[in-house]
């Protein structure tokens, strides 16, 4: 399993935050020289649903969450150091029960 990054060098960081669910989920976009994009964010306790246009890889850097991918009935708990992938044109439910969940979201393909 690949190591989750602790820093990114040589990127453009957008200062405007992406704010969802009345500020309960906040991220900032990073743009890379190769045209790829990631967001760095945090999720406060609560239950949320996100839709995806592109496929995404979520890498947890701190905290924990429970995830259910669209079209599936099973939920999975993820903790810091773990990842999960979300298919394009789908979505997922995510729940944080306590503390903060911090993540890196990579947009794939």
N, C-alpha and C. Protein backbone atom coordinates (compact mmCIF):
# COMPACT_ATOMS: atom_id res chain seq x y z
N UNK A 1 0.84 -1.17 0.00
CA UNK A 1 0.00 0.00 0.00
C UNK A 1 0.89 1.24 0.00
N UNK A 2 0.55 2.22 -0.81
CA UNK A 2 1.32 3.45 -0.92
C UNK A 2 1.17 4.28 0.35
N UNK A 3 2.20 5.03 0.66
CA UNK A 3 2.17 5.92 1.81
C UNK A 3 1.37 7.18 1.46
N UNK A 4 0.53 7.61 2.38
CA UNK A 4 -0.25 8.82 2.16
C UNK A 4 0.68 10.01 2.34
N UNK A 5 0.66 10.96 1.38
CA UNK A 5 1.57 12.10 1.45
C UNK A 5 1.32 12.98 2.68
N UNK A 6 2.39 13.61 3.17
CA UNK A 6 2.27 14.56 4.26
C UNK A 6 2.47 15.99 3.78
N UNK A 7 2.94 16.15 2.53
CA UNK A 7 3.09 17.48 1.95
C UNK A 7 3.14 17.36 0.43
N UNK A 8 2.84 18.48 -0.23
CA UNK A 8 2.94 18.58 -1.68
C UNK A 8 3.79 19.80 -2.01
N UNK A 9 4.74 19.64 -2.91
CA UNK A 9 5.62 20.75 -3.31
C UNK A 9 5.32 21.14 -4.75
N UNK A 10 5.55 22.40 -5.07
CA UNK A 10 5.43 22.86 -6.45
C UNK A 10 4.00 22.85 -6.96
N UNK A 11 3.05 23.21 -6.11
CA UNK A 11 1.64 23.24 -6.51
C UNK A 11 1.10 24.66 -6.38
N UNK A 12 -0.02 24.89 -7.01
CA UNK A 12 -0.76 26.13 -6.82
C UNK A 12 -1.91 25.83 -5.87
N UNK A 13 -1.95 26.54 -4.76
CA UNK A 13 -3.02 26.37 -3.78
C UNK A 13 -4.03 27.50 -3.97
N UNK A 14 -5.28 27.15 -4.20
CA UNK A 14 -6.32 28.15 -4.34
C UNK A 14 -6.78 28.60 -2.95
N UNK A 15 -6.84 29.90 -2.75
CA UNK A 15 -7.17 30.42 -1.42
C UNK A 15 -8.66 30.37 -1.11
N UNK A 16 -9.50 30.34 -2.12
CA UNK A 16 -10.95 30.26 -1.90
C UNK A 16 -11.31 28.85 -1.45
N UNK A 17 -11.94 28.74 -0.29
CA UNK A 17 -12.31 27.43 0.26
C UNK A 17 -13.54 26.89 -0.45
N UNK A 18 -13.62 25.58 -0.53
CA UNK A 18 -14.83 24.87 -0.95
C UNK A 18 -15.58 24.56 0.34
N UNK A 19 -16.73 25.16 0.54
CA UNK A 19 -17.47 25.01 1.80
C UNK A 19 -18.80 24.31 1.51
N UNK A 20 -19.04 23.22 2.23
CA UNK A 20 -20.26 22.43 2.05
C UNK A 20 -20.96 22.25 3.39
N UNK A 21 -22.25 22.00 3.33
CA UNK A 21 -23.04 21.65 4.52
C UNK A 21 -22.84 22.66 5.66
N UNK A 22 -23.06 23.95 5.31
CA UNK A 22 -22.98 25.02 6.31
C UNK A 22 -21.65 25.05 7.05
N UNK A 23 -20.58 24.75 6.34
CA UNK A 23 -19.24 24.81 6.93
C UNK A 23 -18.80 23.56 7.66
N UNK A 24 -19.59 22.50 7.58
CA UNK A 24 -19.23 21.24 8.26
C UNK A 24 -18.21 20.43 7.47
N UNK A 25 -18.06 20.75 6.17
CA UNK A 25 -17.05 20.13 5.32
C UNK A 25 -16.37 21.27 4.55
N UNK A 26 -15.05 21.38 4.69
CA UNK A 26 -14.30 22.47 4.07
C UNK A 26 -13.04 21.89 3.43
N UNK A 27 -12.74 22.34 2.20
CA UNK A 27 -11.51 21.90 1.55
C UNK A 27 -10.91 23.05 0.75
N UNK A 28 -9.64 22.87 0.38
CA UNK A 28 -8.93 23.79 -0.50
C UNK A 28 -8.36 22.99 -1.66
N UNK A 29 -8.38 23.58 -2.84
CA UNK A 29 -7.90 22.91 -4.05
C UNK A 29 -6.42 23.14 -4.27
N UNK A 30 -5.75 22.09 -4.71
CA UNK A 30 -4.36 22.13 -5.13
C UNK A 30 -4.29 21.77 -6.60
N UNK A 31 -3.62 22.60 -7.40
CA UNK A 31 -3.46 22.37 -8.83
C UNK A 31 -2.01 22.01 -9.10
N UNK A 32 -1.80 20.93 -9.83
CA UNK A 32 -0.46 20.43 -10.12
C UNK A 32 -0.05 20.79 -11.55
N UNK A 33 1.26 20.86 -11.79
CA UNK A 33 1.79 21.24 -13.10
C UNK A 33 1.32 20.31 -14.21
N UNK A 34 1.03 19.04 -13.90
CA UNK A 34 0.58 18.09 -14.92
C UNK A 34 -0.92 18.21 -15.21
N UNK A 35 -1.59 19.18 -14.58
CA UNK A 35 -3.02 19.39 -14.82
C UNK A 35 -3.93 18.67 -13.84
N UNK A 36 -3.36 17.85 -12.98
CA UNK A 36 -4.19 17.13 -12.02
C UNK A 36 -4.59 18.06 -10.87
N UNK A 37 -5.59 17.61 -10.11
CA UNK A 37 -6.14 18.40 -9.01
C UNK A 37 -6.41 17.50 -7.82
N UNK A 38 -6.14 18.04 -6.65
CA UNK A 38 -6.49 17.39 -5.39
C UNK A 38 -7.14 18.43 -4.50
N UNK A 39 -7.89 17.96 -3.52
CA UNK A 39 -8.36 18.85 -2.48
C UNK A 39 -7.89 18.31 -1.14
N UNK A 40 -7.59 19.24 -0.22
CA UNK A 40 -7.24 18.91 1.15
C UNK A 40 -8.38 19.43 2.00
N UNK A 41 -8.95 18.57 2.85
CA UNK A 41 -10.10 19.04 3.59
C UNK A 41 -10.28 18.39 4.93
N UNK A 42 -11.32 18.87 5.59
CA UNK A 42 -11.72 18.29 6.87
C UNK A 42 -13.23 18.22 6.96
N UNK A 43 -13.67 17.24 7.73
CA UNK A 43 -15.10 16.98 7.90
C UNK A 43 -15.39 16.96 9.39
N UNK A 44 -16.35 17.80 9.81
CA UNK A 44 -16.81 17.82 11.19
C UNK A 44 -17.83 16.70 11.39
N UNK A 45 -18.11 16.35 12.64
CA UNK A 45 -19.09 15.29 12.89
C UNK A 45 -20.44 15.57 12.21
N UNK A 46 -21.00 14.51 11.64
CA UNK A 46 -22.28 14.59 10.95
C UNK A 46 -22.35 13.54 9.87
N UNK A 47 -23.49 13.55 9.14
CA UNK A 47 -23.70 12.63 8.03
C UNK A 47 -23.90 13.47 6.77
N UNK A 48 -23.20 13.08 5.69
CA UNK A 48 -23.21 13.87 4.45
C UNK A 48 -23.26 12.94 3.25
N UNK A 49 -23.77 13.46 2.13
CA UNK A 49 -23.75 12.72 0.87
C UNK A 49 -23.04 13.58 -0.17
N UNK A 50 -22.12 12.97 -0.91
CA UNK A 50 -21.41 13.64 -1.99
C UNK A 50 -21.63 12.89 -3.28
N UNK A 51 -21.85 13.61 -4.35
CA UNK A 51 -21.90 13.05 -5.69
C UNK A 51 -20.56 13.24 -6.37
N UNK A 52 -20.24 12.38 -7.32
CA UNK A 52 -18.98 12.48 -8.04
C UNK A 52 -19.23 12.60 -9.53
N UNK A 53 -18.47 13.46 -10.17
CA UNK A 53 -18.45 13.52 -11.63
C UNK A 53 -17.31 12.62 -12.12
N UNK A 54 -16.11 12.88 -11.61
CA UNK A 54 -14.95 12.05 -11.92
C UNK A 54 -14.75 11.04 -10.80
N UNK A 55 -14.01 9.98 -11.10
CA UNK A 55 -13.64 9.03 -10.06
C UNK A 55 -12.74 9.75 -9.05
N UNK A 56 -12.84 9.34 -7.79
CA UNK A 56 -12.08 9.99 -6.72
C UNK A 56 -11.41 8.94 -5.84
N UNK A 57 -10.26 9.32 -5.29
CA UNK A 57 -9.61 8.52 -4.26
C UNK A 57 -9.52 9.39 -3.01
N UNK A 58 -10.09 8.89 -1.93
CA UNK A 58 -10.06 9.59 -0.65
C UNK A 58 -9.01 8.93 0.24
N UNK A 59 -8.05 9.73 0.71
CA UNK A 59 -6.99 9.26 1.58
C UNK A 59 -7.17 9.97 2.92
N UNK A 60 -7.36 9.22 3.98
CA UNK A 60 -7.55 9.82 5.29
C UNK A 60 -6.21 10.10 5.96
N UNK A 61 -6.04 11.35 6.38
CA UNK A 61 -4.80 11.75 7.03
C UNK A 61 -4.96 11.85 8.55
N UNK A 62 -6.20 11.95 9.03
CA UNK A 62 -6.46 12.00 10.48
C UNK A 62 -7.93 11.67 10.71
N UNK A 63 -8.23 11.12 11.87
CA UNK A 63 -9.61 10.84 12.24
C UNK A 63 -10.14 9.56 11.64
N UNK A 64 -11.47 9.46 11.63
CA UNK A 64 -12.14 8.26 11.12
C UNK A 64 -13.50 8.64 10.55
N UNK A 65 -14.00 7.76 9.68
CA UNK A 65 -15.31 7.97 9.08
C UNK A 65 -15.91 6.62 8.68
N UNK A 66 -17.22 6.63 8.49
CA UNK A 66 -17.94 5.46 8.00
C UNK A 66 -18.48 5.83 6.62
N UNK A 67 -18.25 4.96 5.63
CA UNK A 67 -18.59 5.27 4.24
C UNK A 67 -19.49 4.19 3.65
N UNK A 68 -20.48 4.64 2.87
CA UNK A 68 -21.31 3.73 2.08
C UNK A 68 -21.34 4.27 0.66
N UNK A 69 -20.81 3.49 -0.28
CA UNK A 69 -20.83 3.89 -1.69
C UNK A 69 -22.23 3.74 -2.25
N UNK A 70 -22.60 4.64 -3.16
CA UNK A 70 -23.91 4.54 -3.82
C UNK A 70 -24.07 3.15 -4.44
N UNK A 71 -25.25 2.58 -4.32
CA UNK A 71 -25.55 1.28 -4.91
C UNK A 71 -25.12 0.11 -4.06
N UNK A 72 -24.50 0.36 -2.91
CA UNK A 72 -24.07 -0.72 -2.03
C UNK A 72 -24.81 -0.61 -0.71
N UNK A 73 -24.96 -1.71 -0.02
CA UNK A 73 -25.65 -1.70 1.27
C UNK A 73 -24.68 -1.76 2.44
N UNK A 74 -23.45 -2.15 2.20
CA UNK A 74 -22.47 -2.32 3.27
C UNK A 74 -21.78 -0.98 3.57
N UNK A 75 -21.52 -0.75 4.86
CA UNK A 75 -20.73 0.41 5.26
C UNK A 75 -19.36 -0.07 5.72
N UNK A 76 -18.36 0.80 5.53
CA UNK A 76 -17.00 0.47 5.92
C UNK A 76 -16.42 1.62 6.73
N UNK A 77 -15.75 1.29 7.81
CA UNK A 77 -15.08 2.30 8.62
C UNK A 77 -13.64 2.45 8.14
N UNK A 78 -13.23 3.69 7.93
CA UNK A 78 -11.87 4.01 7.52
C UNK A 78 -11.23 4.90 8.57
N UNK A 79 -9.94 4.71 8.80
CA UNK A 79 -9.19 5.51 9.76
C UNK A 79 -7.96 6.09 9.08
N UNK A 80 -7.27 6.98 9.79
CA UNK A 80 -6.07 7.63 9.25
C UNK A 80 -5.12 6.60 8.66
N UNK A 81 -4.63 6.89 7.47
CA UNK A 81 -3.72 5.98 6.77
C UNK A 81 -4.41 5.07 5.77
N UNK A 82 -5.74 5.08 5.75
CA UNK A 82 -6.48 4.23 4.82
C UNK A 82 -7.07 5.06 3.68
N UNK A 83 -7.41 4.37 2.59
CA UNK A 83 -8.00 5.04 1.43
C UNK A 83 -9.24 4.28 0.95
N UNK A 84 -10.08 5.01 0.20
CA UNK A 84 -11.17 4.36 -0.51
C UNK A 84 -11.40 5.09 -1.82
N UNK A 85 -11.87 4.34 -2.82
CA UNK A 85 -12.12 4.90 -4.15
C UNK A 85 -13.62 4.99 -4.40
N UNK A 86 -14.00 6.04 -5.12
CA UNK A 86 -15.39 6.27 -5.48
C UNK A 86 -15.46 6.34 -7.00
N UNK A 87 -16.33 5.54 -7.63
CA UNK A 87 -16.43 5.57 -9.08
C UNK A 87 -16.95 6.91 -9.61
N UNK A 88 -16.66 7.19 -10.88
CA UNK A 88 -17.18 8.37 -11.55
C UNK A 88 -18.70 8.30 -11.64
N UNK A 89 -19.32 9.45 -11.67
CA UNK A 89 -20.78 9.57 -11.84
C UNK A 89 -21.55 8.73 -10.83
N UNK A 90 -21.11 8.78 -9.59
CA UNK A 90 -21.80 8.06 -8.52
C UNK A 90 -21.78 8.95 -7.28
N UNK A 91 -21.55 8.36 -6.14
CA UNK A 91 -21.49 9.14 -4.92
C UNK A 91 -21.29 8.26 -3.72
N UNK A 92 -21.33 8.89 -2.54
CA UNK A 92 -21.12 8.15 -1.31
C UNK A 92 -21.69 8.92 -0.14
N UNK A 93 -22.11 8.16 0.87
CA UNK A 93 -22.50 8.72 2.15
C UNK A 93 -21.29 8.60 3.06
N UNK A 94 -21.04 9.65 3.85
CA UNK A 94 -19.93 9.63 4.78
C UNK A 94 -20.41 10.15 6.12
N UNK A 95 -20.01 9.47 7.19
CA UNK A 95 -20.38 9.88 8.54
C UNK A 95 -19.14 9.97 9.41
N UNK A 96 -19.03 11.08 10.11
CA UNK A 96 -18.00 11.27 11.12
C UNK A 96 -18.73 11.36 12.45
N UNK A 97 -18.40 10.45 13.37
CA UNK A 97 -19.15 10.41 14.63
C UNK A 97 -18.53 11.28 15.71
N UNK A 98 -17.21 11.52 15.65
CA UNK A 98 -16.58 12.38 16.65
C UNK A 98 -15.26 12.91 16.10
N UNK A 99 -14.81 14.03 16.65
CA UNK A 99 -13.55 14.62 16.21
C UNK A 99 -13.64 15.12 14.78
N UNK A 100 -12.49 15.30 14.18
CA UNK A 100 -12.40 15.73 12.79
C UNK A 100 -11.84 14.60 11.94
N UNK A 101 -12.33 14.50 10.72
CA UNK A 101 -11.76 13.60 9.72
C UNK A 101 -11.07 14.49 8.70
N UNK A 102 -9.77 14.29 8.50
CA UNK A 102 -9.01 15.06 7.53
C UNK A 102 -8.65 14.16 6.36
N UNK A 103 -8.67 14.74 5.15
CA UNK A 103 -8.51 13.91 3.96
C UNK A 103 -7.80 14.64 2.82
N UNK A 104 -7.30 13.83 1.90
CA UNK A 104 -6.83 14.27 0.59
C UNK A 104 -7.74 13.60 -0.42
N UNK A 105 -8.35 14.38 -1.29
CA UNK A 105 -9.18 13.83 -2.36
C UNK A 105 -8.46 14.03 -3.69
N UNK A 106 -8.16 12.92 -4.37
CA UNK A 106 -7.53 12.97 -5.69
C UNK A 106 -8.59 12.68 -6.74
N UNK A 107 -8.63 13.52 -7.77
CA UNK A 107 -9.57 13.33 -8.86
C UNK A 107 -8.87 12.50 -9.92
N UNK A 108 -9.43 11.32 -10.21
CA UNK A 108 -8.79 10.34 -11.08
C UNK A 108 -9.38 10.41 -12.49
N UNK A 109 -8.51 10.28 -13.48
CA UNK A 109 -8.96 10.22 -14.87
C UNK A 109 -9.66 11.37 -15.39
